[in-house]
Amino acid sequence: MTTGVTKRSVMIAGHRTSVSLEDPFWEALRAIAAARGQSVQALIGVIDAGREGQNLSSAIRVFVLASVRAQA
């Protein structure tokens, strides 16, 4: 399974940053945000606030994995 990495620019806490994730993670993040009634940007802001120094892209991947596991 080959998936591309997509880099997107998001605004978090008043500053722009870029996030690089594989396409399936972006898709899962969009689905999670929609299920919560949030925008992807707002959800990334929540993840950012709780990441405790972890790389943001990694924190998003871990969050998506935890969300998928919680649904299983």
C-alpha atoms as a PDB file:
ATOM      1  CA  MET A   1       0.000   0.000   0.000  1.00  0.00           C
ATOM      2  CA  THR A   2       1.594   3.217  -1.148  1.00  0.00           C
ATOM      3  CA  THR A   3       0.246   6.496   0.130  1.00  0.00           C
ATOM      4  CA  GLY A   4       1.511   9.974  -0.447  1.00  0.00           C
ATOM      5  CA  VAL A   5       2.398  12.475   2.200  1.00  0.00           C
ATOM      6  CA  THR A   6       0.470  15.708   1.971  1.00  0.00           C
ATOM      7  CA  LYS A   7       1.664  18.910   3.609  1.00  0.00           C
ATOM      8  CA  ARG A   8      -1.040  21.342   4.706  1.00  0.00           C
ATOM      9  CA  SER A   9      -0.847  24.733   6.333  1.00  0.00           C
ATOM     10  CA  VAL A  10      -3.034  25.299   9.403  1.00  0.00           C
ATOM     11  CA  MET A  11      -3.578  28.148  11.838  1.00  0.00           C
ATOM     12  CA  ILE A  12      -3.051  27.136  15.472  1.00  0.00           C
ATOM     13  CA  ALA A  13      -3.228  29.548  18.389  1.00  0.00           C
ATOM     14  CA  GLY A  14      -2.800  32.509  16.067  1.00  0.00           C
ATOM     15  CA  HIS A  15       0.190  31.222  14.110  1.00  0.00           C
ATOM     16  CA  ARG A  16       0.496  29.299  10.865  1.00  0.00           C
ATOM     17  CA  THR A  17       2.296  26.006  10.780  1.00  0.00           C
ATOM     18  CA  SER A  18       2.519  23.181   8.293  1.00  0.00           C
ATOM     19  CA  VAL A  19       1.646  19.579   9.005  1.00  0.00           C
ATOM     20  CA  SER A  20       2.760  16.636   6.874  1.00  0.00           C
ATOM     21  CA  LEU A  21       0.663  13.463   7.099  1.00  0.00           C
ATOM     22  CA  GLU A  22      -0.013  10.465   4.927  1.00  0.00           C
ATOM     23  CA  ASP A  23      -3.318  10.742   3.053  1.00  0.00           C
ATOM     24  CA  PRO A  24      -5.124   8.063   5.144  1.00  0.00           C
ATOM     25  CA  PHE A  25      -4.364  10.078   8.302  1.00  0.00           C
ATOM     26  CA  TRP A  26      -5.819  13.241   6.733  1.00  0.00           C
ATOM     27  CA  GLU A  27      -8.926  11.267   5.751  1.00  0.00           C
ATOM     28  CA  ALA A  28      -9.320   9.809   9.243  1.00  0.00           C
ATOM     29  CA  LEU A  29      -8.725  13.210  10.831  1.00  0.00           C
ATOM     30  CA  ARG A  30     -11.472  14.743   8.658  1.00  0.00           C
ATOM     31  CA  ALA A  31     -13.874  11.954   9.663  1.00  0.00           C
ATOM     32  CA  ILE A  32     -13.088  12.346  13.363  1.00  0.00           C
ATOM     33  CA  ALA A  33     -13.512  16.121  13.165  1.00  0.00           C
ATOM     34  CA  ALA A  34     -16.845  15.754  11.358  1.00  0.00           C
ATOM     35  CA  ALA A  35     -18.093  13.249  13.945  1.00  0.00           C
ATOM     36  CA  ARG A  36     -17.219  15.739  16.686  1.00  0.00           C
ATOM     37  CA  GLY A  37     -18.799  18.658  14.845  1.00  0.00           C
ATOM     38  CA  GLN A  38     -15.435  20.414  14.550  1.00  0.00           C
ATOM     39  CA  SER A  39     -13.293  21.660  11.737  1.00  0.00           C
ATOM     40  CA  VAL A  40     -10.032  19.840  11.095  1.00  0.00           C
ATOM     41  CA  GLN A  41      -8.186  22.991  12.107  1.00  0.00           C
ATOM     42  CA  ALA A  42     -10.037  23.150  15.447  1.00  0.00           C
ATOM     43  CA  LEU A  43      -9.305  19.480  16.109  1.00  0.00           C
ATOM     44  CA  ILE A  44      -5.627  19.993  15.317  1.00  0.00           C
ATOM     45  CA  GLY A  45      -5.681  22.880  17.808  1.00  0.00           C
ATOM     46  CA  VAL A  46      -7.003  20.527  20.500  1.00  0.00           C
ATOM     47  CA  ILE A  47      -4.321  17.954  19.661  1.00  0.00           C
ATOM     48  CA  ASP A  48      -1.653  20.676  19.666  1.00  0.00           C
ATOM     49  CA  ALA A  49      -2.709  21.903  23.106  1.00  0.00           C
ATOM     50  CA  GLY A  50      -2.256  18.439  24.608  1.00  0.00           C
ATOM     51  CA  ARG A  51       0.853  17.189  22.845  1.00  0.00           C
ATOM     52  CA  GLU A  52       3.391  18.104  25.564  1.00  0.00           C
ATOM     53  CA  GLY A  53       6.358  18.780  23.289  1.00  0.00           C
ATOM     54  CA  GLN A  54       5.734  15.862  20.936  1.00  0.00           C
ATOM     55  CA  ASN A  55       6.101  16.555  17.212  1.00  0.00           C
ATOM     56  CA  LEU A  56       2.693  17.748  15.949  1.00  0.00           C
ATOM     57  CA  SER A  57       2.489  15.315  13.023  1.00  0.00           C
ATOM     58  CA  SER A  58       3.329  12.432  15.355  1.00  0.00           C
ATOM     59  CA  ALA A  59       0.799  13.641  17.927  1.00  0.00           C
ATOM     60  CA  ILE A  60      -1.894  13.697  15.227  1.00  0.00           C
ATOM     61  CA  ARG A  61      -1.042  10.154  14.119  1.00  0.00           C
ATOM     62  CA  VAL A  62      -1.194   8.894  17.728  1.00  0.00           C
ATOM     63  CA  PHE A  63      -4.506  10.704  18.257  1.00  0.00           C
ATOM     64  CA  VAL A  64      -6.004   9.171  15.104  1.00  0.00           C
ATOM     65  CA  LEU A  65      -4.783   5.707  16.107  1.00  0.00           C
ATOM     66  CA  ALA A  66      -6.259   6.072  19.609  1.00  0.00           C
ATOM     67  CA  SER A  67      -9.565   7.275  18.147  1.00  0.00           C
ATOM     68  CA  VAL A  68      -9.758   4.332  15.741  1.00  0.00           C
ATOM     69  CA  ARG A  69      -8.916   1.881  18.519  1.00  0.00           C
ATOM     70  CA  ALA A  70     -11.556   3.399  20.794  1.00  0.00           C
ATOM     71  CA  GLN A  71     -14.193   2.844  18.098  1.00  0.00           C
ATOM     72  CA  ALA A  72     -13.213  -0.809  17.572  1.00  0.00           C
END
